[in-house]
Each structure stands twice: as C-alpha cells, then as structure tokens.
Amino acid sequence: MAAISLRKGNTRLPPEVNRVLYVRNLPFNISSEEMYDIFGKYGAIRQIRIGTNKDTRGTAFVVYEDIYDAKTAVDHLSGFNVANRYLIVLYYQQAKMSKKVDQKKKEDELARMQEKYGLSSSKDK
C-alpha cells in the first residue's frame, strides 16, 4: 500500500499501516453490533467480518474508511478487555496470511501422501 506517503499534518505512517485490521482473541459469541460499538468509536467503518466456523471463531476483520482511524483503533484497542478476553488488534498483511494458508496446504498434502504410501511421519515415532 502507499500508506507511507499518506500524511495528516506532519504524521508519517509506517508501511504496514492500512485500513484493514485483523482482530484475534474475541469472545466466540460477540455480535456485529458489539463490534461496531467497540470499533466505531475510532472512526467510520466500512465493513466488519466476524469468523463463524471452527477455524475462524474468535477472529474478525474490521475495515475503516480512513487509514488514520484504523491506526487510532490499533493504538487504543490492542489489549482492550472484552468479556475477560484481551483483544489482539493487528494490521492485516496479505503476505503473512497467504503464507499460513500455503503452509497448511503443504502439511495436508504431506499427510495425504504419507497415508497413501503407508509412511509414518517423524511425529509418530
């Protein structure tokens, strides 16, 4: 992103700062309304996506209209307590997310091949 060239006054943002936040450690039963109440205090929100399946529960993506609002939310909400859970609020980074997906695909493929050819993994020994 071209976030480094964006300025508000004399504030220069680091390159990892963007409008999309990745939130972890959410209560599993949090509602969209609660998310808007918590994150909406820091600026206009374009979209909130809450994870609903077993692999994504407790996570969400929050997209702000303005990059500076997203930065303010990260600064204020990292470590914020919601239902006795401390939020982990990070800037979404596509490269890191796709690496995790690629690693999982490789592990699944390896397990399929080991099963197909009757090989045991080093974990089984």
Protein backbone atom coordinates (compact mmCIF):
# COMPACT_ATOMS: atom_id res chain seq x y z
CA MET A 1 0.00 0.00 0.00
CA ALA A 2 1.02 3.59 -0.43
CA ALA A 3 0.41 4.25 3.25
CA ILE A 4 3.88 5.65 3.80
CA SER A 5 3.17 8.62 1.53
CA LEU A 6 -0.15 9.49 3.20
CA ARG A 7 0.07 12.40 5.60
CA LYS A 8 -2.22 14.03 8.10
CA GLY A 9 -0.43 17.09 9.35
CA ASN A 10 3.16 16.01 9.86
CA THR A 11 2.31 12.39 10.69
CA ARG A 12 4.04 9.84 8.52
CA LEU A 13 2.76 6.28 8.83
CA PRO A 14 4.85 3.10 8.75
CA PRO A 15 4.39 0.93 5.64
CA GLU A 16 2.47 -1.84 7.45
CA VAL A 17 -0.34 0.53 8.48
CA ASN A 18 -3.50 0.10 6.41
CA ARG A 19 -7.29 0.41 6.75
CA VAL A 20 -7.89 -3.32 7.33
CA LEU A 21 -7.44 -4.67 10.85
CA TYR A 22 -7.23 -8.31 11.88
CA VAL A 23 -8.65 -8.86 15.37
CA ARG A 24 -7.94 -12.01 17.42
CA ASN A 25 -9.00 -13.32 20.83
CA LEU A 26 -12.60 -12.15 20.52
CA PRO A 27 -15.34 -13.81 22.56
CA PHE A 28 -16.93 -16.51 20.37
CA ASN A 29 -20.42 -15.07 20.86
CA ILE A 30 -19.65 -11.42 20.04
CA SER A 31 -22.21 -9.78 17.76
CA SER A 32 -21.74 -7.37 14.87
CA GLU A 33 -23.46 -4.66 16.90
CA GLU A 34 -20.97 -5.09 19.74
CA MET A 35 -18.09 -4.92 17.26
CA TYR A 36 -19.48 -1.70 15.75
CA ASP A 37 -19.89 -0.25 19.26
CA ILE A 38 -16.28 -1.06 20.18
CA PHE A 39 -14.53 -0.17 16.91
CA GLY A 40 -16.91 2.58 15.73
CA LYS A 41 -15.65 4.93 18.46
CA TYR A 42 -12.49 5.47 16.45
CA GLY A 43 -13.95 6.31 13.05
CA ALA A 44 -16.27 5.37 10.21
CA ILE A 45 -16.29 1.64 9.50
CA ARG A 46 -16.79 0.29 6.00
CA GLN A 47 -17.14 -3.40 6.93
CA ILE A 48 -16.78 -5.91 9.77
CA ARG A 49 -16.44 -9.64 9.07
CA ILE A 50 -16.63 -11.96 12.08
CA GLY A 51 -15.28 -15.52 11.82
CA THR A 52 -18.02 -18.12 12.31
CA ASN A 53 -16.56 -21.56 11.57
CA LYS A 54 -14.37 -23.60 13.93
CA ASP A 55 -11.11 -22.33 12.39
CA THR A 56 -12.05 -18.63 12.40
CA ARG A 57 -14.14 -18.20 15.56
CA GLY A 58 -12.76 -15.52 17.82
CA THR A 59 -11.37 -13.50 14.90
CA ALA A 60 -12.66 -10.66 12.76
CA PHE A 61 -11.65 -8.22 10.06
CA VAL A 62 -12.52 -4.55 10.54
CA VAL A 63 -12.23 -2.21 7.55
CA TYR A 64 -12.14 1.53 8.27
CA GLU A 65 -12.90 4.29 5.77
CA ASP A 66 -9.78 6.22 6.83
CA ILE A 67 -6.30 4.86 7.47
CA TYR A 68 -5.74 7.23 10.41
CA ASP A 69 -8.90 5.95 12.12
CA ALA A 70 -7.55 2.40 11.74
CA LYS A 71 -4.25 3.46 13.33
CA THR A 72 -6.08 5.10 16.23
CA ALA A 73 -8.13 1.93 16.77
CA VAL A 74 -4.99 -0.25 16.85
CA ASP A 75 -3.33 2.14 19.29
CA HIS A 76 -6.33 2.17 21.66
CA LEU A 77 -7.80 -1.33 21.33
CA SER A 78 -4.73 -3.58 21.42
CA GLY A 79 -5.06 -5.26 24.81
CA PHE A 80 -8.62 -3.96 25.34
CA ASN A 81 -10.66 -6.25 27.62
CA VAL A 82 -13.90 -7.64 26.14
CA ALA A 83 -15.73 -10.25 28.24
CA ASN A 84 -12.50 -11.09 30.10
CA ARG A 85 -10.56 -11.56 26.87
CA TYR A 86 -7.79 -9.19 25.83
CA LEU A 87 -8.03 -8.22 22.16
CA ILE A 88 -5.12 -8.62 19.79
CA VAL A 89 -5.51 -5.99 17.07
CA LEU A 90 -3.11 -6.15 14.12
CA TYR A 91 -2.86 -4.60 10.68
CA TYR A 92 -3.93 -7.11 8.05
CA GLN A 93 -0.96 -8.23 5.96
CA GLN A 94 -1.87 -10.32 2.92
CA ALA A 95 1.59 -11.84 2.58
CA LYS A 96 1.56 -13.26 6.12
CA MET A 97 -1.97 -14.62 5.77
CA SER A 98 -1.22 -16.39 2.48
CA LYS A 99 1.96 -17.94 3.94
CA LYS A 100 -0.12 -19.52 6.71
CA VAL A 101 -2.58 -20.91 4.14
CA ASP A 102 0.27 -22.24 1.97
CA GLN A 103 1.89 -23.95 4.97
CA LYS A 104 -1.40 -25.61 5.91
CA LYS A 105 -1.87 -26.84 2.31
CA LYS A 106 1.65 -28.31 2.32
CA GLU A 107 1.04 -30.09 5.63
CA ASP A 108 -2.27 -31.52 4.38
CA GLU A 109 -0.67 -32.72 1.14
CA LEU A 110 2.19 -34.35 3.06
CA ALA A 111 -0.26 -36.15 5.36
CA ARG A 112 -2.23 -37.43 2.34
CA MET A 113 0.94 -38.73 0.67
CA GLN A 114 2.13 -40.41 3.88
CA GLU A 115 -1.23 -42.11 4.27
CA LYS A 116 -1.37 -43.13 0.61
CA TYR A 117 2.08 -44.73 0.67
CA GLY A 118 1.88 -46.09 4.23
CA LEU A 119 4.66 -43.90 5.59
CA SER A 120 4.77 -42.66 9.15
CA SER A 121 5.78 -39.13 9.99
CA SER A 122 8.57 -38.31 12.42
CA LYS A 123 5.85 -37.24 14.88
CA ASP A 124 4.54 -40.82 15.00
CA LYS A 125 7.90 -42.29 16.08
